[in-house]
């Protein structure tokens, strides 16, 4: 029973770290600055390695503490990734609005130029 619990905790930490890494990679490919959370994610991987080592002690309480620390790091990194993606969406909307305004201004200038030629 304890072995199954320890296995599920380690698998859960692996999945959480992988999920955080995917979000951070997506934000990084989009050009957002996420180097700090990616660096912090290495601490979560260190916790995963430590948890794998602690399996040999066969003490579920110690393993649970280590995986909880790793999951909190992974959660913080994943949250940073989602914030970066939200900022990217905000920037894209701002770019679209400014592009529409500039196109309207160019159109009005062209109309004014035609009006002045006649």
Protein backbone atom coordinates (compact mmCIF):
# COMPACT_ATOMS: atom_id res chain seq x y z
CA UNK A 1 0.00 0.00 0.00
CA UNK A 2 2.78 2.44 0.97
CA UNK A 3 4.79 1.52 -2.12
CA UNK A 4 1.82 2.28 -4.36
CA UNK A 5 1.32 5.64 -2.63
CA UNK A 6 4.99 6.54 -3.05
CA UNK A 7 4.90 5.55 -6.72
CA UNK A 8 1.84 7.69 -7.35
CA UNK A 9 3.44 10.68 -5.61
CA UNK A 10 6.55 10.43 -7.76
CA UNK A 11 4.46 9.97 -10.91
CA UNK A 12 2.35 12.97 -9.92
CA UNK A 13 5.46 15.11 -9.47
CA UNK A 14 6.81 13.96 -12.84
CA UNK A 15 3.53 14.88 -14.54
CA UNK A 16 3.37 18.26 -12.81
CA UNK A 17 6.94 19.09 -13.83
CA UNK A 18 6.26 18.00 -17.41
CA UNK A 19 3.13 20.14 -17.54
CA UNK A 20 5.00 23.18 -16.22
CA UNK A 21 7.79 22.58 -18.74
CA UNK A 22 5.30 22.44 -21.63
CA UNK A 23 3.74 25.75 -20.64
CA UNK A 24 7.13 27.40 -20.20
CA UNK A 25 8.38 26.04 -23.53
CA UNK A 26 5.28 27.36 -25.26
CA UNK A 27 5.81 30.81 -23.73
CA UNK A 28 9.50 30.74 -24.63
CA UNK A 29 8.79 29.80 -28.26
CA UNK A 30 6.38 32.73 -28.40
CA UNK A 31 9.23 35.04 -27.43
CA UNK A 32 8.31 35.74 -23.83
CA UNK A 33 10.94 36.05 -21.12
CA UNK A 34 10.62 32.96 -18.94
CA UNK A 35 14.25 32.15 -18.22
CA UNK A 36 13.84 32.64 -14.48
CA UNK A 37 10.94 30.16 -14.12
CA UNK A 38 12.79 27.68 -16.34
CA UNK A 39 15.78 27.95 -14.02
CA UNK A 40 13.50 27.51 -10.99
CA UNK A 41 12.04 24.42 -12.59
CA UNK A 42 15.44 22.77 -12.20
CA UNK A 43 14.87 22.94 -8.45
CA UNK A 44 11.69 20.93 -8.96
CA UNK A 45 13.66 18.35 -10.95
CA UNK A 46 16.16 18.21 -8.10
CA UNK A 47 13.27 17.43 -5.74
CA UNK A 48 12.17 14.65 -8.08
CA UNK A 49 15.66 13.13 -8.02
CA UNK A 50 15.77 13.45 -4.25
CA UNK A 51 12.37 11.76 -4.01
CA UNK A 52 13.62 8.88 -6.12
CA UNK A 53 16.57 8.50 -3.77
CA UNK A 54 14.31 8.65 -0.71
CA UNK A 55 12.28 5.70 -1.95
CA UNK A 56 15.01 3.47 -0.61
CA UNK A 57 14.36 4.72 2.92
CA UNK A 58 10.78 3.50 2.54
CA UNK A 59 9.42 6.38 4.64
CA UNK A 60 6.29 7.75 2.96
CA UNK A 61 6.15 10.87 5.17
CA UNK A 62 9.61 12.07 4.12
CA UNK A 63 8.89 11.29 0.48
CA UNK A 64 5.56 13.12 0.66
CA UNK A 65 7.28 16.23 2.05
CA UNK A 66 9.85 16.21 -0.75
CA UNK A 67 7.26 15.71 -3.49
CA UNK A 68 5.10 18.46 -1.99
CA UNK A 69 8.05 20.86 -2.20
CA UNK A 70 8.64 19.82 -5.81
CA UNK A 71 4.99 20.26 -6.70
CA UNK A 72 4.90 23.74 -5.19
CA UNK A 73 7.91 24.71 -7.32
CA UNK A 74 6.25 23.20 -10.40
CA UNK A 75 2.99 25.00 -9.67
CA UNK A 76 4.76 28.35 -9.31
CA UNK A 77 6.66 27.82 -12.56
CA UNK A 78 3.52 26.77 -14.41
CA UNK A 79 1.70 29.84 -13.09
CA UNK A 80 4.54 32.04 -14.35
CA UNK A 81 4.21 30.40 -17.76
CA UNK A 82 0.47 31.04 -17.88
CA UNK A 83 1.04 34.67 -16.87
CA UNK A 84 3.55 35.06 -19.69
CA UNK A 85 1.06 33.61 -22.17
CA UNK A 86 -1.64 35.96 -20.87
CA UNK A 87 0.72 38.89 -21.36
CA UNK A 88 1.40 37.69 -24.90
CA UNK A 89 -2.33 37.63 -25.66
CA UNK A 90 -2.67 41.16 -24.22
CA UNK A 91 0.19 42.39 -26.41
CA UNK A 92 -1.33 40.82 -29.50
CA UNK A 93 -4.67 42.50 -28.85
CA UNK A 94 -2.91 45.82 -28.35
CA UNK A 95 -1.03 45.36 -31.61
CA UNK A 96 -4.26 44.63 -33.47
CA UNK A 97 -5.97 47.72 -32.04
CA UNK A 98 -3.04 49.98 -32.87
CA UNK A 99 -2.82 48.52 -36.39
CA UNK A 100 -6.51 49.27 -37.00
CA UNK A 101 -6.08 52.84 -35.74
CA UNK A 102 -3.03 53.37 -37.96
CA UNK A 103 -4.85 51.99 -41.01
CA UNK A 104 -7.76 54.34 -40.35
CA UNK A 105 -5.38 57.28 -40.08
CA UNK A 106 -3.66 56.31 -43.35
CA UNK A 107 -7.03 56.06 -45.06
CA UNK A 108 -8.05 59.48 -43.79
CA UNK A 109 -4.75 60.96 -44.94
CA UNK A 110 -5.23 59.48 -48.41
CA UNK A 111 -8.73 60.99 -48.57
CA UNK A 112 -7.38 64.39 -47.50
CA UNK A 113 -4.61 64.21 -50.15
CA UNK A 114 -7.17 63.46 -52.85
CA UNK A 115 -9.32 66.31 -51.62
CA UNK A 116 -6.40 68.76 -51.77
CA UNK A 117 -5.46 67.71 -55.36
CA UNK A 118 -8.87 68.65 -56.71
